[in-house]
Structures are given as structure tokens and as C-alpha cells.
Amino acid sequence: MPRPHALILGTRNGHNSPAHYEQLAGLLVGPAGLNVTVRDDYPAQTEASLTGFDLLVLWAADARPPFPQAAMDAVFATVRRGTPLLGIHGAAFNMGKAAGGPEAGGTVYQSPHLPVQAYDVRVADGDHPVTAGVEDFRIEDEPYRLDVVGDGVRVLCSFDASAAVQYTSPPREEAVVAAVRDWSRARTDAPVVYVKRLGAGTICLNTLGHSPGALAHPAFRRLAVQATGWLLEEGARARAA
């Protein structure tokens, strides 16, 4: 039986360095059992270039203008037709940029993010196939400020942003720091991993994976492998429907 084929969509930046690619591609080819194609020109992608894959893995974080809206629209159009999507770390920036509004992606990214730090991740829903057998864990990573929007978002893992170190570096205007602190104080269960439906397709976003060390964390690896298996099953159901 042929291996499922995944397409990793990245860019040429700090989140997608050669060391990052080595960790993620090795994880998907090895424990997850996939064939993998890697493209680091995410802004150039179209609906045509995204066809023929069993799974899309969005790893790009295009915070610098101009935002590649056409590529983002192509990704979500492909998901709506039934191809599942696994978002890793920087992909969180893209979730609120979907055509049709942020409700399509399920969350809105708030800038700036919190600083890299060690923090506790809580398994909020241990009954899902993505989190099966995963217990609460501590990781050093870059926590993102995400707000859930719309219906249908199932948060699987979360962190207590009110306990996180506040934004201090690089220096920011006082109003920005105050806004980050206000957001953090109110978030005892900020999303880290979530799933949702989009049309005939399924999305799983895992905000972890800022560094090769985070990508090597046993909990991240298990979450990513189990998410891959679950998404492929969902994709097969969509094709059979």
C-alpha cells in the first residue's frame, strides 16, 4: 500500500531553517509514515499546485507585508474540498486570514506574541485521537496569543497565559505592553492545539514548534504524529462521501 503524500508549505525564514526542516520532515517521513514534498515558496502556491496531496502541512508565517493572500485563499479552498490541513507554529498567524473571515480558520492571532519561555501545556480534551495518551507537559517554546472565533473549534491543548512571562523584549511601546498584559491576565486557557471542520475538510493547528528543540519534544512529536493519522482518516472519509 503506497504511503500517503504530504506537502509541507514553508518559507525562507527563521521558523523554517534547515534544522527545522530536518526535524519536521524526519518526523513525518519516519514515525508518521508519509512521503513528503517540501516547498519553501508558500506565497507562490495556487489551487492547482496544491492538488494531488493527501495532507497539507502549513508551516509558513508571513508576518511581513505583503501578506500572500492568494496563497492563503488557495490553501483554504483546497481544504474546503476535502484535503486536511495540519498547521504548525507560524501557521497560527495565517488562521485569521482565511477568505470568508477568521471564523473559517477558527482563531485570530494577536501581535505581538509572548516571549520564548518554559511553560505548561494542559491537555484540555484527552478523549480526542490527536491527544490520546498525551499527558500535561512542560515545554520551552514561543507561546502565541490566539483568540477563538466562530463555532466548531475544539480546543485539545491550552496554556495559562495569565501565568506566562509578560512581553519584555525587544522593547515595545508602553501601550503595546499594556495590551499584551491585559490579554494575558484574562486567558487561563489560551489554545495551543485545536481542531475544526472547514467545508469537507478538517484543520488541526498545533502552535508549538518554534525551535528544533521544541520540535524534538516527545509530546510535540506524539501530537504531530497522531494528528497526521487522524487527519488522513478524515481526508479519506471526505473522499468517500
C-alpha atoms as a PDB file:
ATOM      1  CA  MET A   1       0.000   0.000   0.000  1.00  0.00           C
ATOM      2  CA  PRO A   2       1.527   3.358  -1.001  1.00  0.00           C
ATOM      3  CA  ARG A   3       2.429   5.870   1.648  1.00  0.00           C
ATOM      4  CA  PRO A   4       0.199   8.938   1.947  1.00  0.00           C
ATOM      5  CA  HIS A   5       1.755  12.030   0.404  1.00  0.00           C
ATOM      6  CA  ALA A   6       2.043  15.256   2.407  1.00  0.00           C
ATOM      7  CA  LEU A   7       3.056  18.701   1.161  1.00  0.00           C
ATOM      8  CA  ILE A   8       4.975  20.901   3.612  1.00  0.00           C
ATOM      9  CA  LEU A   9       4.484  24.586   2.834  1.00  0.00           C
ATOM     10  CA  GLY A  10       7.156  26.817   4.320  1.00  0.00           C
ATOM     11  CA  THR A  11       9.102  29.981   3.650  1.00  0.00           C
ATOM     12  CA  ARG A  12      12.739  31.018   3.836  1.00  0.00           C
ATOM     13  CA  ASN A  13      12.828  32.475   7.338  1.00  0.00           C
ATOM     14  CA  GLY A  14      13.813  31.720  10.906  1.00  0.00           C
ATOM     15  CA  HIS A  15      10.879  29.388  11.536  1.00  0.00           C
ATOM     16  CA  ASN A  16      11.804  27.250   8.523  1.00  0.00           C
ATOM     17  CA  SER A  17      15.587  26.867   8.794  1.00  0.00           C
ATOM     18  CA  PRO A  18      17.393  23.723   7.575  1.00  0.00           C
ATOM     19  CA  ALA A  19      17.430  22.426  11.169  1.00  0.00           C
ATOM     20  CA  HIS A  20      13.661  22.934  11.427  1.00  0.00           C
ATOM     21  CA  TYR A  21      13.061  21.103   8.148  1.00  0.00           C
ATOM     22  CA  GLU A  22      15.268  18.224   9.277  1.00  0.00           C
ATOM     23  CA  GLN A  23      13.197  17.775  12.425  1.00  0.00           C
ATOM     24  CA  LEU A  24       9.721  18.065  10.910  1.00  0.00           C
ATOM     25  CA  ALA A  25      10.344  16.222   7.652  1.00  0.00           C
ATOM     26  CA  GLY A  26      12.085  13.407   9.525  1.00  0.00           C
ATOM     27  CA  LEU A  27       9.154  13.116  11.913  1.00  0.00           C
ATOM     28  CA  LEU A  28       6.620  12.920   9.094  1.00  0.00           C
ATOM     29  CA  VAL A  29       8.629  10.524   6.945  1.00  0.00           C
ATOM     30  CA  GLY A  30       9.643   8.303   9.880  1.00  0.00           C
ATOM     31  CA  PRO A  31       7.099   7.881  12.709  1.00  0.00           C
ATOM     32  CA  ALA A  32       4.173   9.298  10.716  1.00  0.00           C
ATOM     33  CA  GLY A  33       4.937   7.096   7.686  1.00  0.00           C
ATOM     34  CA  LEU A  34       4.426   9.686   4.953  1.00  0.00           C
ATOM     35  CA  ASN A  35       6.021  10.583   1.674  1.00  0.00           C
ATOM     36  CA  VAL A  36       6.853  14.272   1.864  1.00  0.00           C
ATOM     37  CA  THR A  37       7.282  17.083  -0.631  1.00  0.00           C
ATOM     38  CA  VAL A  38       8.697  20.349   0.719  1.00  0.00           C
ATOM     39  CA  ARG A  39       8.131  23.745  -0.882  1.00  0.00           C
ATOM     40  CA  ASP A  40       9.603  26.843   0.725  1.00  0.00           C
ATOM     41  CA  ASP A  41       7.867  29.243  -1.665  1.00  0.00           C
ATOM     42  CA  TYR A  42       4.480  29.288   0.039  1.00  0.00           C
ATOM     43  CA  PRO A  43       3.418  32.689  -1.425  1.00  0.00           C
ATOM     44  CA  ALA A  44       3.697  31.214  -4.945  1.00  0.00           C
ATOM     45  CA  GLN A  45       1.223  28.388  -4.333  1.00  0.00           C
ATOM     46  CA  THR A  46      -2.104  28.120  -6.182  1.00  0.00           C
ATOM     47  CA  GLU A  47      -5.074  25.780  -6.060  1.00  0.00           C
ATOM     48  CA  ALA A  48      -3.563  23.872  -8.972  1.00  0.00           C
ATOM     49  CA  SER A  49      -0.207  23.423  -7.236  1.00  0.00           C
ATOM     50  CA  LEU A  50      -1.886  22.129  -4.077  1.00  0.00           C
ATOM     51  CA  THR A  51      -3.882  19.344  -5.713  1.00  0.00           C
ATOM     52  CA  GLY A  52      -2.959  15.679  -5.550  1.00  0.00           C
ATOM     53  CA  PHE A  53      -1.791  15.559  -1.914  1.00  0.00           C
ATOM     54  CA  ASP A  54      -3.332  13.607   0.943  1.00  0.00           C
ATOM     55  CA  LEU A  55      -2.342  16.219   3.545  1.00  0.00           C
ATOM     56  CA  LEU A  56      -1.229  19.845   3.551  1.00  0.00           C
ATOM     57  CA  VAL A  57       1.217  20.903   6.291  1.00  0.00           C
ATOM     58  CA  LEU A  58       1.239  24.681   6.590  1.00  0.00           C
ATOM     59  CA  TRP A  59       4.360  25.949   8.314  1.00  0.00           C
ATOM     60  CA  ALA A  60       4.640  29.435   6.896  1.00  0.00           C
ATOM     61  CA  ALA A  61       4.439  32.615   8.967  1.00  0.00           C
ATOM     62  CA  ASP A  62       4.273  35.607   6.652  1.00  0.00           C
ATOM     63  CA  ALA A  63       4.006  38.482   9.077  1.00  0.00           C
ATOM     64  CA  ARG A  64       5.876  40.901   6.829  1.00  0.00           C
ATOM     65  CA  PRO A  65       3.837  42.657   4.147  1.00  0.00           C
ATOM     66  CA  PRO A  66       2.609  41.989   1.611  1.00  0.00           C
ATOM     67  CA  PHE A  67       0.639  39.087   3.065  1.00  0.00           C
ATOM     68  CA  PRO A  68       0.291  36.241   0.483  1.00  0.00           C
ATOM     69  CA  GLN A  69      -3.487  36.343   0.484  1.00  0.00           C
ATOM     70  CA  ALA A  70      -3.823  34.477  -2.818  1.00  0.00           C
ATOM     71  CA  ALA A  71      -1.825  31.549  -1.441  1.00  0.00           C
ATOM     72  CA  MET A  72      -3.854  31.545   1.771  1.00  0.00           C
ATOM     73  CA  ASP A  73      -7.081  31.558  -0.225  1.00  0.00           C
ATOM     74  CA  ALA A  74      -5.778  28.624  -2.289  1.00  0.00           C
ATOM     75  CA  VAL A  75      -4.951  26.626   0.852  1.00  0.00           C
ATOM     76  CA  PHE A  76      -8.379  27.111   2.384  1.00  0.00           C
ATOM     77  CA  ALA A  77     -10.152  26.411  -0.899  1.00  0.00           C
ATOM     78  CA  THR A  78      -8.255  23.115  -1.078  1.00  0.00           C
ATOM     79  CA  VAL A  79      -9.245  22.280   2.499  1.00  0.00           C
ATOM     80  CA  ARG A  80     -12.880  23.107   1.803  1.00  0.00           C
ATOM     81  CA  ARG A  81     -12.831  20.496  -0.961  1.00  0.00           C
ATOM     82  CA  GLY A  82     -11.666  17.832   1.499  1.00  0.00           C
ATOM     83  CA  THR A  83      -7.870  17.885   1.794  1.00  0.00           C
ATOM     84  CA  PRO A  84      -6.961  18.025   5.504  1.00  0.00           C
ATOM     85  CA  LEU A  85      -4.602  20.670   6.892  1.00  0.00           C
ATOM     86  CA  LEU A  86      -2.045  20.399   9.701  1.00  0.00           C
ATOM     87  CA  GLY A  87      -0.823  23.820  10.815  1.00  0.00           C
ATOM     88  CA  ILE A  88       2.446  24.067  12.727  1.00  0.00           C
ATOM     89  CA  HIS A  89       3.559  27.042  14.842  1.00  0.00           C
ATOM     90  CA  GLY A  90       3.826  30.011  12.459  1.00  0.00           C
ATOM     91  CA  ALA A  91       0.724  28.827  10.630  1.00  0.00           C
ATOM     92  CA  ALA A  92      -1.222  30.333  13.542  1.00  0.00           C
ATOM     93  CA  PHE A  93      -0.597  33.757  12.021  1.00  0.00           C
ATOM     94  CA  ASN A  94      -2.498  32.654   8.922  1.00  0.00           C
ATOM     95  CA  MET A  95      -5.608  31.186  10.526  1.00  0.00           C
ATOM     96  CA  GLY A  96      -7.403  34.513  10.830  1.00  0.00           C
ATOM     97  CA  LYS A  97      -6.620  35.465   7.234  1.00  0.00           C
ATOM     98  CA  ALA A  98      -8.886  32.969   5.536  1.00  0.00           C
ATOM     99  CA  ALA A  99     -11.241  34.036   2.793  1.00  0.00           C
ATOM    100  CA  GLY A 100     -14.679  34.399   4.307  1.00  0.00           C
ATOM    101  CA  GLY A 101     -13.376  35.778   7.578  1.00  0.00           C
ATOM    102  CA  PRO A 102     -11.425  34.453  10.569  1.00  0.00           C
ATOM    103  CA  GLU A 103     -14.248  32.102  11.516  1.00  0.00           C
ATOM    104  CA  ALA A 104     -13.036  29.815   8.720  1.00  0.00           C
ATOM    105  CA  GLY A 105      -9.674  29.270  10.400  1.00  0.00           C
ATOM    106  CA  GLY A 106     -11.096  29.310  13.909  1.00  0.00           C
ATOM    107  CA  THR A 107      -8.717  31.741  15.621  1.00  0.00           C
ATOM    108  CA  VAL A 108      -7.261  35.225  15.360  1.00  0.00           C
ATOM    109  CA  TYR A 109      -3.571  35.844  16.072  1.00  0.00           C
ATOM    110  CA  GLN A 110      -2.799  38.754  18.359  1.00  0.00           C
ATOM    111  CA  SER A 111       0.540  40.523  17.839  1.00  0.00           C
ATOM    112  CA  PRO A 112       2.993  40.591  19.499  1.00  0.00           C
ATOM    113  CA  HIS A 113       3.322  37.054  20.778  1.00  0.00           C
ATOM    114  CA  LEU A 114       4.688  36.219  24.214  1.00  0.00           C
ATOM    115  CA  PRO A 115       8.456  35.661  24.603  1.00  0.00           C
ATOM    116  CA  VAL A 116      10.087  32.266  24.318  1.00  0.00           C
ATOM    117  CA  GLN A 117       9.858  30.639  27.740  1.00  0.00           C
ATOM    118  CA  ALA A 118       9.222  27.385  29.558  1.00  0.00           C
ATOM    119  CA  TYR A 119       5.502  26.930  30.183  1.00  0.00           C
ATOM    120  CA  ASP A 120       2.980  24.234  30.998  1.00  0.00           C
ATOM    121  CA  VAL A 121       0.659  22.838  28.360  1.00  0.00           C
ATOM    122  CA  ARG A 122      -2.561  21.310  29.639  1.00  0.00           C
ATOM    123  CA  VAL A 123      -4.404  18.567  27.774  1.00  0.00           C
ATOM    124  CA  ALA A 124      -7.890  20.061  27.734  1.00  0.00           C
ATOM    125  CA  ASP A 125      -9.508  17.183  25.831  1.00  0.00           C
ATOM    126  CA  GLY A 126      -7.873  13.801  26.267  1.00  0.00           C
ATOM    127  CA  ASP A 127     -10.654  11.906  24.516  1.00  0.00           C
ATOM    128  CA  HIS A 128      -9.657  13.018  21.022  1.00  0.00           C
ATOM    129  CA  PRO A 129      -7.436  10.810  18.789  1.00  0.00           C
ATOM    130  CA  VAL A 130      -4.906  13.649  18.478  1.00  0.00           C
ATOM    131  CA  THR A 131      -4.306  13.800  22.246  1.00  0.00           C
ATOM    132  CA  ALA A 132      -4.768  10.101  23.082  1.00  0.00           C
ATOM    133  CA  GLY A 133      -2.192   9.073  25.682  1.00  0.00           C
ATOM    134  CA  VAL A 134      -0.711  12.574  25.978  1.00  0.00           C
ATOM    135  CA  GLU A 135      -0.448  13.999  29.488  1.00  0.00           C
ATOM    136  CA  ASP A 136       0.119  17.593  30.599  1.00  0.00           C
ATOM    137  CA  PHE A 137       3.686  18.621  29.809  1.00  0.00           C
ATOM    138  CA  ARG A 138       6.190  21.451  30.100  1.00  0.00           C
ATOM    139  CA  ILE A 139       7.983  22.828  27.045  1.00  0.00           C
ATOM    140  CA  GLU A 140      10.241  25.729  26.143  1.00  0.00           C
ATOM    141  CA  ASP A 141       8.635  27.391  23.176  1.00  0.00           C
ATOM    142  CA  GLU A 142       7.132  30.615  21.849  1.00  0.00           C
ATOM    143  CA  PRO A 143       3.527  30.884  23.113  1.00  0.00           C
ATOM    144  CA  TYR A 144       1.099  32.589  20.771  1.00  0.00           C
ATOM    145  CA  ARG A 145      -1.777  34.845  21.694  1.00  0.00           C
ATOM    146  CA  LEU A 146      -4.793  33.362  19.937  1.00  0.00           C
ATOM    147  CA  ASP A 147      -8.467  34.156  20.344  1.00  0.00           C
ATOM    148  CA  VAL A 148     -11.050  31.580  19.263  1.00  0.00           C
ATOM    149  CA  VAL A 149     -13.641  32.945  16.844  1.00  0.00           C
ATOM    150  CA  GLY A 150     -16.760  31.392  15.392  1.00  0.00           C
ATOM    151  CA  ASP A 151     -18.244  27.988  16.073  1.00  0.00           C
ATOM    152  CA  GLY A 152     -16.863  24.491  15.787  1.00  0.00           C
ATOM    153  CA  VAL A 153     -13.416  24.974  17.345  1.00  0.00           C
ATOM    154  CA  ARG A 154     -12.491  22.072  19.623  1.00  0.00           C
ATOM    155  CA  VAL A 155      -9.534  23.051  21.825  1.00  0.00           C
ATOM    156  CA  LEU A 156      -7.422  19.989  22.644  1.00  0.00           C
ATOM    157  CA  CYS A 157      -4.499  21.628  24.487  1.00  0.00           C
ATOM    158  CA  SER A 158      -4.200  25.005  26.178  1.00  0.00           C
ATOM    159  CA  PHE A 159      -1.909  27.063  28.398  1.00  0.00           C
ATOM    160  CA  ASP A 160      -2.438  29.520  31.198  1.00  0.00           C
ATOM    161  CA  ALA A 161      -1.401  32.826  29.635  1.00  0.00           C
ATOM    162  CA  SER A 162      -2.015  34.620  32.919  1.00  0.00           C
ATOM    163  CA  ALA A 163       0.940  32.714  34.365  1.00  0.00           C
ATOM    164  CA  ALA A 164       3.252  33.371  31.399  1.00  0.00           C
ATOM    165  CA  VAL A 165       6.102  35.863  31.429  1.00  0.00           C
ATOM    166  CA  GLN A 166       4.916  39.170  30.027  1.00  0.00           C
ATOM    167  CA  TYR A 167       6.315  40.733  26.871  1.00  0.00           C
ATOM    168  CA  THR A 168       9.637  42.465  27.596  1.00  0.00           C
ATOM    169  CA  SER A 169      11.978  42.003  24.625  1.00  0.00           C
ATOM    170  CA  PRO A 170      12.507  43.588  22.195  1.00  0.00           C
ATOM    171  CA  PRO A 171      11.359  46.881  23.743  1.00  0.00           C
ATOM    172  CA  ARG A 172       7.790  47.850  22.909  1.00  0.00           C
ATOM    173  CA  GLU A 173       5.700  50.925  23.400  1.00  0.00           C
ATOM    174  CA  GLU A 174       4.040  51.072  26.796  1.00  0.00           C
ATOM    175  CA  ALA A 175       0.577  50.804  25.245  1.00  0.00           C
ATOM    176  CA  VAL A 176       1.569  47.593  23.432  1.00  0.00           C
ATOM    177  CA  VAL A 177       2.971  46.031  26.598  1.00  0.00           C
ATOM    178  CA  ALA A 178      -0.181  47.025  28.490  1.00  0.00           C
ATOM    179  CA  ALA A 179      -2.371  45.434  25.816  1.00  0.00           C
ATOM    180  CA  VAL A 180      -0.410  42.183  25.995  1.00  0.00           C
ATOM    181  CA  ARG A 181      -0.694  42.115  29.772  1.00  0.00           C
ATOM    182  CA  ASP A 182      -4.424  42.774  29.648  1.00  0.00           C
ATOM    183  CA  TRP A 183      -4.888  39.914  27.203  1.00  0.00           C
ATOM    184  CA  SER A 184      -2.750  37.543  29.244  1.00  0.00           C
ATOM    185  CA  ARG A 185      -4.493  38.247  32.545  1.00  0.00           C
ATOM    186  CA  ALA A 186      -7.810  37.113  31.109  1.00  0.00           C
ATOM    187  CA  ARG A 187      -6.554  33.924  29.406  1.00  0.00           C
ATOM    188  CA  THR A 188      -6.222  30.914  31.665  1.00  0.00           C
ATOM    189  CA  ASP A 189      -6.908  28.538  28.762  1.00  0.00           C
ATOM    190  CA  ALA A 190      -5.362  30.052  25.631  1.00  0.00           C
ATOM    191  CA  PRO A 191      -5.404  27.489  22.778  1.00  0.00           C
ATOM    192  CA  VAL A 192      -2.261  25.544  21.903  1.00  0.00           C
ATOM    193  CA  VAL A 193      -3.774  22.749  19.782  1.00  0.00           C
ATOM    194  CA  TYR A 194      -7.241  22.758  18.267  1.00  0.00           C
ATOM    195  CA  VAL A 195      -9.260  21.115  15.510  1.00  0.00           C
ATOM    196  CA  LYS A 196     -12.186  22.266  13.402  1.00  0.00           C
ATOM    197  CA  ARG A 197     -14.081  21.477  10.225  1.00  0.00           C
ATOM    198  CA  LEU A 198     -13.949  23.646   7.144  1.00  0.00           C
ATOM    199  CA  GLY A 199     -16.264  22.616   4.353  1.00  0.00           C
ATOM    200  CA  ALA A 200     -15.475  18.993   3.508  1.00  0.00           C
ATOM    201  CA  GLY A 201     -12.040  19.299   5.119  1.00  0.00           C
ATOM    202  CA  THR A 202     -10.514  19.280   8.586  1.00  0.00           C
ATOM    203  CA  ILE A 203      -7.949  21.536  10.254  1.00  0.00           C
ATOM    204  CA  CYS A 204      -5.621  20.788  13.148  1.00  0.00           C
ATOM    205  CA  LEU A 205      -3.463  23.662  14.364  1.00  0.00           C
ATOM    206  CA  ASN A 206      -0.538  22.976  16.703  1.00  0.00           C
ATOM    207  CA  THR A 207       1.083  26.258  17.764  1.00  0.00           C
ATOM    208  CA  LEU A 208       4.200  24.568  19.147  1.00  0.00           C
ATOM    209  CA  GLY A 209       7.461  24.144  17.222  1.00  0.00           C
ATOM    210  CA  HIS A 210       9.374  27.435  17.323  1.00  0.00           C
ATOM    211  CA  SER A 211      12.792  25.767  17.622  1.00  0.00           C
ATOM    212  CA  PRO A 212      14.353  22.418  16.704  1.00  0.00           C
ATOM    213  CA  GLY A 213      14.362  21.670  20.432  1.00  0.00           C
ATOM    214  CA  ALA A 214      10.598  22.192  20.633  1.00  0.00           C
ATOM    215  CA  LEU A 215      10.088  20.055  17.520  1.00  0.00           C
ATOM    216  CA  ALA A 216      12.060  17.275  19.236  1.00  0.00           C
ATOM    217  CA  HIS A 217       9.942  17.373  22.405  1.00  0.00           C
ATOM    218  CA  PRO A 218       8.267  13.960  22.904  1.00  0.00           C
ATOM    219  CA  ALA A 219       4.820  15.494  23.442  1.00  0.00           C
ATOM    220  CA  PHE A 220       5.054  17.604  20.284  1.00  0.00           C
ATOM    221  CA  ARG A 221       6.166  14.571  18.295  1.00  0.00           C
ATOM    222  CA  ARG A 222       3.299  12.438  19.567  1.00  0.00           C
ATOM    223  CA  LEU A 223       0.735  15.166  18.963  1.00  0.00           C
ATOM    224  CA  ALA A 224       2.001  15.732  15.420  1.00  0.00           C
ATOM    225  CA  VAL A 225       2.073  12.040  14.511  1.00  0.00           C
ATOM    226  CA  GLN A 226      -1.380  11.387  15.945  1.00  0.00           C
ATOM    227  CA  ALA A 227      -2.768  14.494  14.273  1.00  0.00           C
ATOM    228  CA  THR A 228      -1.383  13.273  10.968  1.00  0.00           C
ATOM    229  CA  GLY A 229      -3.047   9.892  11.316  1.00  0.00           C
ATOM    230  CA  TRP A 230      -6.375  11.382  12.340  1.00  0.00           C
ATOM    231  CA  LEU A 231      -6.342  13.971   9.560  1.00  0.00           C
ATOM    232  CA  LEU A 232      -5.588  11.338   6.940  1.00  0.00           C
ATOM    233  CA  GLU A 233      -8.561   9.298   8.175  1.00  0.00           C
ATOM    234  CA  GLU A 234     -10.759  12.386   7.963  1.00  0.00           C
ATOM    235  CA  GLY A 235      -9.480  13.066   4.458  1.00  0.00           C
ATOM    236  CA  ALA A 236     -10.299   9.509   3.382  1.00  0.00           C
ATOM    237  CA  ARG A 237     -13.836   9.921   4.720  1.00  0.00           C
ATOM    238  CA  ALA A 238     -14.221  13.159   2.775  1.00  0.00           C
ATOM    239  CA  ARG A 239     -13.126  11.467  -0.461  1.00  0.00           C
ATOM    240  CA  ALA A 240     -15.537   8.594   0.137  1.00  0.00           C
ATOM    241  CA  ALA A 241     -18.509  10.862   0.844  1.00  0.00           C
END
